[in-house]
N, C-alpha and C. Protein backbone atom coordinates (compact mmCIF):
# COMPACT_ATOMS: atom_id res chain seq x y z
N UNK A 1 0.87 -1.11 0.17
CA UNK A 1 0.21 0.15 0.00
C UNK A 1 0.78 1.33 -0.04
N UNK A 2 1.86 1.07 0.86
CA UNK A 2 2.69 2.22 1.01
C UNK A 2 3.62 2.52 -0.71
N UNK A 3 4.00 1.59 -1.04
CA UNK A 3 4.66 1.42 -3.02
C UNK A 3 3.61 2.12 -3.65
N UNK A 4 2.33 2.02 -3.50
CA UNK A 4 1.26 2.41 -4.41
C UNK A 4 1.18 3.71 -3.93
N UNK A 5 0.81 4.55 -2.87
CA UNK A 5 0.91 5.75 -2.42
C UNK A 5 2.23 6.85 -2.92
N UNK A 6 3.29 5.99 -2.86
CA UNK A 6 4.34 6.63 -3.53
C UNK A 6 4.42 6.74 -4.91
N UNK A 7 4.02 5.85 -5.66
CA UNK A 7 3.82 5.92 -7.07
C UNK A 7 2.90 6.93 -7.35
N UNK A 8 1.71 6.70 -6.74
CA UNK A 8 0.64 7.79 -6.95
C UNK A 8 1.10 9.37 -6.86
N UNK A 9 1.75 9.39 -5.80
CA UNK A 9 2.36 10.80 -5.42
C UNK A 9 3.36 10.99 -6.33
N UNK A 10 4.35 10.20 -6.87
CA UNK A 10 5.13 10.98 -7.93
C UNK A 10 4.50 11.14 -9.04
N UNK A 11 3.22 10.40 -9.57
CA UNK A 11 2.73 10.46 -10.75
C UNK A 11 2.10 11.90 -10.87
N UNK A 12 1.70 12.40 -9.50
CA UNK A 12 0.88 13.55 -9.34
C UNK A 12 1.86 14.59 -9.61
N UNK A 13 3.00 14.46 -8.96
CA UNK A 13 4.17 15.88 -8.81
C UNK A 13 4.67 15.84 -10.48
N UNK A 14 4.78 14.76 -11.22
CA UNK A 14 5.28 14.86 -12.60
C UNK A 14 4.17 15.48 -13.57
N UNK A 15 3.07 15.08 -13.05
CA UNK A 15 2.00 15.60 -14.11
C UNK A 15 1.76 16.92 -13.84
N UNK A 16 1.82 17.40 -12.54
CA UNK A 16 1.53 19.07 -12.29
C UNK A 16 2.60 20.18 -13.00
N UNK A 17 4.07 19.25 -12.39
CA UNK A 17 4.97 20.03 -12.97
C UNK A 17 5.23 20.00 -14.47
N UNK A 18 4.66 18.92 -15.41
CA UNK A 18 4.77 19.09 -16.69
C UNK A 18 3.51 20.23 -17.08
N UNK A 19 2.69 20.13 -16.73
CA UNK A 19 1.53 20.97 -16.91
C UNK A 19 1.81 22.41 -16.75
N UNK A 20 2.43 22.69 -15.40
CA UNK A 20 2.64 24.14 -15.27
C UNK A 20 4.17 24.59 -16.17
N UNK A 21 5.07 23.72 -16.56
CA UNK A 21 6.03 23.83 -17.44
C UNK A 21 5.47 24.36 -18.71
N UNK A 22 4.32 23.53 -19.42
CA UNK A 22 3.97 23.78 -20.78
C UNK A 22 3.19 24.93 -20.42
N UNK A 23 2.54 25.17 -19.45
CA UNK A 23 1.48 26.64 -19.55
C UNK A 23 2.36 27.83 -19.59
N UNK A 24 3.61 27.82 -19.35
CA UNK A 24 4.31 28.97 -19.43
C UNK A 24 5.12 29.27 -20.51
N UNK A 25 4.57 28.79 -21.79
CA UNK A 25 4.89 28.91 -23.38
C UNK A 25 4.56 30.38 -23.59
N UNK A 26 5.10 31.27 -23.76
CA UNK A 26 4.76 32.64 -24.30
C UNK A 26 3.98 32.27 -25.89
N UNK A 27 2.92 32.94 -26.25
CA UNK A 27 2.32 33.21 -27.51
C UNK A 27 3.61 33.24 -28.27
N UNK A 28 3.40 32.31 -29.42
CA UNK A 28 4.16 32.75 -30.64
C UNK A 28 3.66 33.92 -31.63
N UNK A 29 4.85 34.86 -31.65
CA UNK A 29 4.51 36.02 -32.52
C UNK A 29 5.14 35.97 -34.00
N UNK A 30 4.32 36.55 -34.50
CA UNK A 30 5.12 36.22 -36.12
C UNK A 30 5.70 37.61 -36.44
N UNK A 31 7.07 37.55 -36.51
CA UNK A 31 7.72 38.70 -36.88
C UNK A 31 8.38 38.74 -38.05
N UNK A 32 8.40 39.46 -39.07
CA UNK A 32 9.09 39.26 -40.41
C UNK A 32 10.58 39.65 -40.07
N UNK A 33 11.58 38.86 -40.50
CA UNK A 33 12.58 38.82 -40.47
C UNK A 33 13.18 38.29 -41.88
N UNK A 34 13.49 39.56 -42.54
CA UNK A 34 14.13 39.51 -44.08
C UNK A 34 15.14 38.08 -44.24
N UNK A 35 15.36 37.32 -44.93
CA UNK A 35 15.95 36.59 -45.22
C UNK A 35 17.11 36.87 -46.46
N UNK A 36 18.55 37.40 -46.25
CA UNK A 36 19.14 37.83 -47.28
C UNK A 36 19.43 36.57 -48.37
N UNK A 37 19.45 37.00 -49.43
CA UNK A 37 19.77 35.99 -50.42
C UNK A 37 21.07 36.64 -51.47
N UNK A 38 22.05 35.66 -51.20
CA UNK A 38 23.50 36.05 -52.17
C UNK A 38 23.50 35.43 -53.26
N UNK A 39 23.51 36.08 -54.52
CA UNK A 39 23.70 35.98 -55.88
C UNK A 39 24.71 36.16 -56.34
N UNK A 40 25.55 35.24 -56.87
CA UNK A 40 27.02 35.52 -57.27
C UNK A 40 26.87 35.24 -58.94
N UNK A 41 27.30 36.43 -59.73
CA UNK A 41 27.37 36.40 -61.24
C UNK A 41 28.38 35.59 -61.70
N UNK A 42 27.98 34.82 -62.92
CA UNK A 42 28.87 34.11 -63.44
C UNK A 42 29.83 35.02 -64.30
N UNK A 43 30.36 34.66 -64.83
CA UNK A 43 31.77 35.34 -65.72
C UNK A 43 30.95 35.92 -67.14
N UNK A 44 29.96 35.11 -67.55
CA UNK A 44 29.10 35.42 -68.70
C UNK A 44 27.90 36.61 -68.43
N UNK A 45 27.68 36.98 -67.06
CA UNK A 45 26.72 37.77 -66.74
C UNK A 45 27.50 38.97 -66.50
N UNK A 46 27.38 39.98 -67.25
CA UNK A 46 28.18 41.09 -67.30
C UNK A 46 27.19 42.35 -66.91
N UNK A 47 27.29 43.13 -65.63
CA UNK A 47 26.40 44.17 -65.40
C UNK A 47 27.48 45.26 -64.61
N UNK A 48 27.24 46.71 -65.38
CA UNK A 48 28.09 47.57 -64.57
C UNK A 48 27.31 48.20 -63.22
N UNK A 49 28.58 48.39 -62.24
CA UNK A 49 27.59 48.74 -60.96
C UNK A 49 26.70 49.96 -61.11
N UNK A 50 26.73 50.67 -62.19
CA UNK A 50 26.16 51.86 -62.55
C UNK A 50 24.86 51.76 -62.80
N UNK A 51 24.30 50.57 -63.50
CA UNK A 51 23.02 49.98 -63.92
C UNK A 51 22.32 49.35 -63.21
N UNK A 52 21.88 50.02 -62.33
CA UNK A 52 21.25 49.14 -61.14
C UNK A 52 19.78 48.64 -61.36
N UNK A 53 18.96 49.66 -62.64
CA UNK A 53 17.67 49.34 -62.88
C UNK A 53 17.73 47.87 -63.74
N UNK A 54 18.79 47.66 -64.46
CA UNK A 54 18.94 46.55 -65.31
C UNK A 54 19.34 45.51 -64.29
N UNK A 55 19.82 45.50 -63.42
CA UNK A 55 20.30 44.50 -62.52
C UNK A 55 19.21 43.91 -61.64
N UNK A 56 18.15 44.89 -61.22
CA UNK A 56 17.17 44.66 -60.28
C UNK A 56 15.91 43.73 -61.37
N UNK A 57 15.71 44.63 -62.26
CA UNK A 57 14.70 44.07 -63.22
C UNK A 57 15.19 42.55 -63.87
N UNK A 58 16.38 42.20 -64.35
CA UNK A 58 16.98 40.95 -64.99
C UNK A 58 17.00 40.11 -63.92
N UNK A 59 17.77 40.29 -62.74
CA UNK A 59 17.93 39.37 -61.93
C UNK A 59 17.30 39.07 -61.03
N UNK A 60 16.32 40.27 -60.36
CA UNK A 60 15.78 40.11 -59.24
C UNK A 60 14.16 39.91 -59.42
N UNK A 61 13.65 40.62 -60.75
CA UNK A 61 12.40 40.54 -61.00
C UNK A 61 11.39 41.54 -60.43
N UNK A 62 12.40 42.58 -60.30
CA UNK A 62 11.74 43.61 -59.23
C UNK A 62 10.95 44.57 -60.66
N UNK A 63 9.64 45.19 -60.50
CA UNK A 63 9.19 45.85 -61.52
C UNK A 63 9.39 47.24 -61.47
N UNK A 64 8.95 47.87 -62.30
CA UNK A 64 9.49 49.47 -62.56
C UNK A 64 8.99 50.55 -61.54
N UNK A 65 7.63 49.90 -61.13
CA UNK A 65 7.23 50.90 -59.73
C UNK A 65 8.06 50.92 -58.58
N UNK A 66 9.15 50.04 -58.28
CA UNK A 66 10.16 49.87 -57.27
C UNK A 66 11.31 50.78 -58.05
N UNK A 67 11.84 51.45 -56.88
CA UNK A 67 13.06 52.32 -57.34
C UNK A 67 13.88 51.81 -56.12
N UNK A 68 15.18 52.19 -56.24
CA UNK A 68 16.01 52.26 -55.10
C UNK A 68 16.93 53.40 -55.07
N UNK A 69 17.22 53.79 -53.83
CA UNK A 69 17.85 54.88 -53.29
C UNK A 69 19.24 54.50 -52.44
N UNK A 70 20.27 55.36 -52.95
CA UNK A 70 21.43 55.21 -52.59
C UNK A 70 21.43 55.44 -51.13
N UNK A 71 22.01 54.50 -50.28
CA UNK A 71 22.18 54.75 -49.06
C UNK A 71 23.83 55.03 -48.43
N UNK A 72 24.59 54.00 -49.09
CA UNK A 72 26.23 53.98 -48.65
C UNK A 72 26.71 53.31 -49.34
N UNK A 73 28.33 53.89 -49.41
CA UNK A 73 29.36 52.92 -50.14
C UNK A 73 30.50 52.62 -49.42
N UNK A 74 30.87 51.31 -49.31
CA UNK A 74 32.28 51.27 -48.71
C UNK A 74 33.14 50.34 -49.67
N UNK A 75 33.96 50.50 -49.72
CA UNK A 75 35.39 50.17 -50.50
C UNK A 75 36.29 49.29 -49.72
N UNK A 76 36.41 47.95 -49.82
CA UNK A 76 37.19 47.03 -49.06
C UNK A 76 38.66 46.84 -49.37
N UNK A 77 39.61 46.12 -48.39
CA UNK A 77 40.75 45.87 -48.84
C UNK A 77 41.38 45.54 -50.15
N UNK A 78 40.73 44.63 -50.66
CA UNK A 78 40.60 43.75 -51.89
C UNK A 78 40.48 44.79 -53.07
N UNK A 79 39.72 46.04 -52.95
CA UNK A 79 39.42 46.57 -54.01
C UNK A 79 38.06 46.74 -54.71
N UNK A 80 37.16 45.80 -53.56
CA UNK A 80 35.87 45.55 -53.96
C UNK A 80 35.02 46.76 -53.52
N UNK A 81 34.04 47.23 -54.26
CA UNK A 81 33.03 48.27 -53.91
C UNK A 81 31.65 47.66 -53.48
N UNK A 82 31.43 47.95 -52.08
CA UNK A 82 29.97 47.83 -51.86
C UNK A 82 28.99 48.87 -51.66
N UNK A 83 28.09 48.78 -52.50
CA UNK A 83 26.91 49.76 -52.68
C UNK A 83 25.69 49.13 -52.06
N UNK A 84 25.09 50.01 -51.21
CA UNK A 84 23.78 49.60 -50.44
C UNK A 84 22.80 50.65 -51.04
N UNK A 85 21.80 50.05 -51.21
CA UNK A 85 20.47 50.99 -51.86
C UNK A 85 19.01 50.13 -51.07
N UNK A 86 18.48 50.87 -50.83
CA UNK A 86 17.34 50.83 -50.19
C UNK A 86 16.15 50.63 -51.14
N UNK A 87 15.01 50.08 -51.10
CA UNK A 87 13.93 49.54 -52.02
C UNK A 87 12.96 50.41 -51.69
N UNK A 88 12.39 51.13 -52.60
CA UNK A 88 11.17 52.05 -52.47
C UNK A 88 10.08 51.76 -53.59
N UNK A 89 9.13 51.78 -53.10
CA UNK A 89 7.56 51.16 -54.07
C UNK A 89 6.69 52.70 -53.98
N UNK A 90 6.95 52.77 -55.23
CA UNK A 90 5.99 54.25 -55.68
C UNK A 90 6.21 54.93 -54.56
N UNK A 91 7.80 55.47 -54.37
CA UNK A 91 8.39 56.42 -53.54
C UNK A 91 8.15 56.40 -52.03
N UNK A 92 7.43 54.99 -51.59
CA UNK A 92 7.21 54.79 -50.22
C UNK A 92 8.38 53.78 -49.93
N UNK A 93 9.13 54.08 -48.71
CA UNK A 93 10.27 52.67 -48.32
C UNK A 93 9.50 51.74 -48.09
N UNK A 94 10.21 50.50 -48.76
CA UNK A 94 9.83 48.85 -48.31
C UNK A 94 10.67 48.74 -47.16
N UNK A 95 10.11 48.46 -45.94
CA UNK A 95 10.79 48.09 -44.58
C UNK A 95 11.75 46.82 -44.88
N UNK A 96 12.90 46.85 -44.51
CA UNK A 96 14.00 45.71 -44.56
C UNK A 96 14.17 45.43 -45.72
N UNK A 97 14.00 46.04 -46.89
CA UNK A 97 14.16 45.99 -48.15
C UNK A 97 15.38 46.61 -48.67
N UNK A 98 16.49 45.99 -49.18
CA UNK A 98 17.73 46.78 -49.70
C UNK A 98 18.21 45.38 -50.48
N UNK A 99 19.16 46.40 -51.28
CA UNK A 99 20.04 45.21 -52.22
C UNK A 99 21.58 45.92 -52.02
N UNK A 100 22.46 45.06 -51.90
CA UNK A 100 23.91 45.29 -51.76
C UNK A 100 24.61 45.12 -53.02
N UNK A 101 25.35 45.97 -53.65
CA UNK A 101 26.03 45.39 -54.98
C UNK A 101 27.37 45.29 -54.55
N UNK A 102 27.82 44.17 -55.03
CA UNK A 102 29.56 43.98 -54.83
C UNK A 102 30.03 44.12 -56.09
N UNK A 103 30.81 44.81 -56.60
CA UNK A 103 31.44 44.97 -57.78
C UNK A 103 33.12 45.08 -57.65
N UNK A 104 33.53 44.72 -58.80
CA UNK A 104 35.26 44.68 -58.96
C UNK A 104 35.57 45.88 -60.31
N UNK A 105 36.40 46.65 -59.76
CA UNK A 105 36.45 47.35 -61.33
C UNK A 105 35.51 47.60 -62.25
N UNK A 106 34.45 48.22 -61.17
CA UNK A 106 32.94 48.46 -62.03
C UNK A 106 32.00 47.88 -62.39
N UNK A 107 32.51 46.25 -62.65
CA UNK A 107 31.79 45.16 -62.75
C UNK A 107 31.32 44.55 -61.46
N UNK A 108 29.58 44.23 -61.51
CA UNK A 108 29.18 43.59 -60.50
C UNK A 108 29.45 42.21 -60.56
N UNK A 109 30.12 41.72 -59.26
CA UNK A 109 30.21 40.25 -58.95
C UNK A 109 29.29 39.24 -57.98
N UNK A 110 28.70 40.15 -57.28
CA UNK A 110 27.56 39.62 -56.64
C UNK A 110 26.86 40.64 -56.07
N UNK A 111 25.48 40.00 -55.66
CA UNK A 111 24.61 40.90 -55.10
C UNK A 111 24.06 40.24 -53.84
N UNK A 112 23.78 41.15 -52.62
CA UNK A 112 23.14 40.56 -51.66
C UNK A 112 21.92 41.26 -51.31
N UNK A 113 20.61 40.49 -51.10
CA UNK A 113 19.52 41.31 -51.42
C UNK A 113 18.55 40.89 -50.21
N UNK A 114 17.47 41.74 -49.75
CA UNK A 114 16.25 41.24 -49.02
C UNK A 114 15.12 42.39 -49.73
N UNK A 115 15.35 42.46 -51.00
CA UNK A 115 14.45 42.87 -51.92
C UNK A 115 13.19 42.20 -51.83
N UNK A 116 11.87 42.92 -52.14
CA UNK A 116 10.57 42.28 -52.16
C UNK A 116 9.94 42.53 -53.80
N UNK A 117 9.48 41.74 -54.18
CA UNK A 117 8.83 41.64 -55.56
C UNK A 117 7.07 42.13 -55.23
N UNK A 118 6.78 43.28 -55.45
CA UNK A 118 5.59 43.93 -55.12
C UNK A 118 4.48 44.17 -56.72
N UNK A 119 3.40 43.13 -56.69
CA UNK A 119 2.48 43.45 -57.79
C UNK A 119 1.25 44.36 -57.31
N UNK A 120 1.57 45.36 -57.88
CA UNK A 120 0.14 46.13 -58.12
C UNK A 120 -0.39 46.38 -56.37
N UNK A 121 0.33 47.13 -55.78
CA UNK A 121 -0.09 47.39 -54.47
C UNK A 121 -0.58 48.57 -54.35
N UNK A 122 -2.11 49.02 -53.87
CA UNK A 122 -2.28 50.20 -53.81
C UNK A 122 -1.90 50.90 -52.70
N UNK A 123 -1.04 51.96 -52.87
CA UNK A 123 -0.25 52.74 -51.84
C UNK A 123 -1.08 54.14 -51.32
N UNK A 124 -2.24 54.32 -51.89
CA UNK A 124 -3.04 55.77 -51.29
C UNK A 124 -3.53 55.44 -49.58
N UNK A 125 -2.76 56.56 -48.93
CA UNK A 125 -3.19 56.45 -47.57
C UNK A 125 -4.76 56.41 -47.64
N UNK A 126 -5.28 55.69 -46.36
CA UNK A 126 -6.55 55.67 -45.92
C UNK A 126 -6.56 56.43 -44.66
N UNK A 127 -5.86 57.04 -44.02
CA UNK A 127 -5.92 57.74 -42.48
C UNK A 127 -5.19 58.83 -42.98
N UNK A 128 -6.00 59.96 -42.05
CA UNK A 128 -4.92 61.42 -42.50
C UNK A 128 -4.00 60.90 -41.00
N UNK A 129 -3.09 61.96 -41.36
CA UNK A 129 -1.93 61.90 -39.92
C UNK A 129 -2.68 62.42 -38.67
N UNK A 130 -3.79 62.94 -38.57
CA UNK A 130 -4.46 63.26 -37.38
C UNK A 130 -5.35 62.30 -36.84
N UNK A 131 -5.90 61.33 -37.77
CA UNK A 131 -6.55 60.52 -37.35
C UNK A 131 -5.83 59.28 -36.66
N UNK A 132 -4.63 59.35 -37.71
CA UNK A 132 -3.65 58.08 -36.99
C UNK A 132 -3.20 58.16 -35.59
N UNK A 133 -2.65 59.72 -35.06
CA UNK A 133 -2.33 59.91 -34.04
C UNK A 133 -3.49 59.73 -32.90
N UNK A 134 -4.60 59.73 -33.15
CA UNK A 134 -5.47 59.81 -32.47
C UNK A 134 -5.71 58.31 -32.35
N UNK A 135 -5.57 57.48 -32.94
CA UNK A 135 -5.76 56.00 -33.00
C UNK A 135 -5.08 55.55 -31.99
N UNK A 136 -3.60 56.02 -32.35
CA UNK A 136 -2.55 55.65 -31.62
C UNK A 136 -2.66 56.06 -29.99
N UNK A 137 -2.99 57.19 -29.96
CA UNK A 137 -3.16 57.98 -28.48
C UNK A 137 -4.31 56.92 -27.76
N UNK A 138 -5.81 56.33 -28.31
CA UNK A 138 -6.34 56.05 -27.84
C UNK A 138 -5.67 54.16 -27.48
N UNK A 139 -4.79 53.87 -28.26
CA UNK A 139 -4.61 52.48 -28.31
C UNK A 139 -3.60 52.58 -26.58
N UNK A 140 -2.59 53.47 -26.37
CA UNK A 140 -1.88 53.59 -25.61
C UNK A 140 -2.37 53.84 -24.27
N UNK A 141 -3.34 54.97 -24.56
CA UNK A 141 -4.11 55.10 -23.40
C UNK A 141 -3.68 55.82 -22.22
N UNK A 142 -2.68 56.72 -22.45
CA UNK A 142 -1.60 57.38 -21.60
C UNK A 142 -2.36 58.42 -20.83
N UNK A 143 -2.08 58.84 -19.74
CA UNK A 143 -2.80 59.96 -19.07
C UNK A 143 -2.25 61.53 -19.69
N UNK A 144 -0.84 61.81 -20.02
CA UNK A 144 -0.27 62.71 -20.28
C UNK A 144 0.96 62.33 -21.62
N UNK A 145 1.32 63.29 -22.59
CA UNK A 145 2.45 62.96 -23.24
C UNK A 145 3.14 64.11 -23.14
N UNK A 146 4.61 63.87 -23.46
CA UNK A 146 5.44 64.99 -23.35
C UNK A 146 5.39 66.01 -24.15
N UNK A 147 4.90 65.91 -25.49
CA UNK A 147 4.76 66.96 -26.22
C UNK A 147 3.61 68.13 -25.77
N UNK A 148 2.67 67.58 -24.71
CA UNK A 148 1.69 68.58 -24.30
C UNK A 148 2.24 69.27 -23.53
N UNK A 149 3.30 69.17 -22.57
CA UNK A 149 3.80 69.86 -21.45
C UNK A 149 5.21 70.74 -22.22
N UNK A 150 4.55 71.91 -22.53
CA UNK A 150 5.50 72.72 -23.34
C UNK A 150 6.91 72.97 -22.71
N UNK A 151 6.66 72.83 -21.14
CA UNK A 151 8.33 73.48 -20.76
C UNK A 151 9.18 72.03 -21.02
N UNK A 152 8.69 70.89 -20.86
CA UNK A 152 9.62 69.66 -20.77
C UNK A 152 9.74 69.27 -22.35
N UNK A 153 8.85 69.38 -23.23
CA UNK A 153 9.25 69.56 -24.72
C UNK A 153 10.04 70.53 -24.96
N UNK A 154 10.13 71.60 -24.59
CA UNK A 154 11.08 72.56 -24.87
C UNK A 154 12.45 72.29 -24.45
N UNK A 155 12.49 71.64 -23.27
CA UNK A 155 13.82 71.34 -22.54
C UNK A 155 14.50 70.16 -23.32
N UNK A 156 13.94 69.32 -23.86
CA UNK A 156 14.28 68.11 -24.84
C UNK A 156 14.27 68.51 -26.36
N UNK A 157 13.83 69.80 -27.05
CA UNK A 157 13.63 70.06 -28.23
C UNK A 157 12.82 69.00 -28.72
N UNK A 158 11.75 68.74 -28.30
CA UNK A 158 10.79 67.81 -28.71
C UNK A 158 9.59 68.41 -29.39
N UNK A 159 9.12 68.16 -30.54
CA UNK A 159 8.10 68.90 -31.34
C UNK A 159 6.57 68.01 -31.31
N UNK A 160 6.94 66.84 -30.74
CA UNK A 160 5.93 65.69 -30.86
C UNK A 160 5.73 65.08 -32.24
N UNK A 161 5.11 63.83 -32.17
CA UNK A 161 5.11 62.73 -33.21
C UNK A 161 4.41 63.27 -34.48
N UNK A 162 5.13 62.81 -35.65
CA UNK A 162 4.75 63.36 -37.01
C UNK A 162 4.15 62.21 -38.00
N UNK A 163 3.57 62.12 -38.31
CA UNK A 163 3.09 60.87 -39.48
C UNK A 163 4.11 60.86 -40.51
N UNK A 164 4.38 59.36 -41.08
CA UNK A 164 5.26 59.26 -42.20
C UNK A 164 4.62 58.30 -43.06
N UNK A 165 4.80 58.40 -44.35
CA UNK A 165 4.13 57.18 -45.26
C UNK A 165 5.43 56.64 -45.76
């Protein structure tokens, strides 16, 4: 009888411990994490690093509604030039979408990109800046905001939130 009670007690402890451990898992959140793609060009693929539109349309399949804005350029010890461009779709930035063009002597040797192929997306805003701010304020449900206190916002040289498309 004693052996039976010990086994029963151990079983209850194991079941409760497992139940509590499994109940503590946080909900899975879907977060977009771009997966960079490396594309090494072969010898017969010849693109000048200044011809970005041909590179993006021919090799990446990006349509003409997407443009690319220059961000920065680095030159390494081996003489490779690394140009970074961010993707814009109908003049709006595409978050996390960029292309790195790696070139030697002006000829592209490789691309690293997180570009997105976008097909016919309507980019007209449906909210005004004021209604978006009011929505955000009601969601946060704060009592006061920094920009409402003139003295504090002047001290920090803060103008208040502004909308961006």
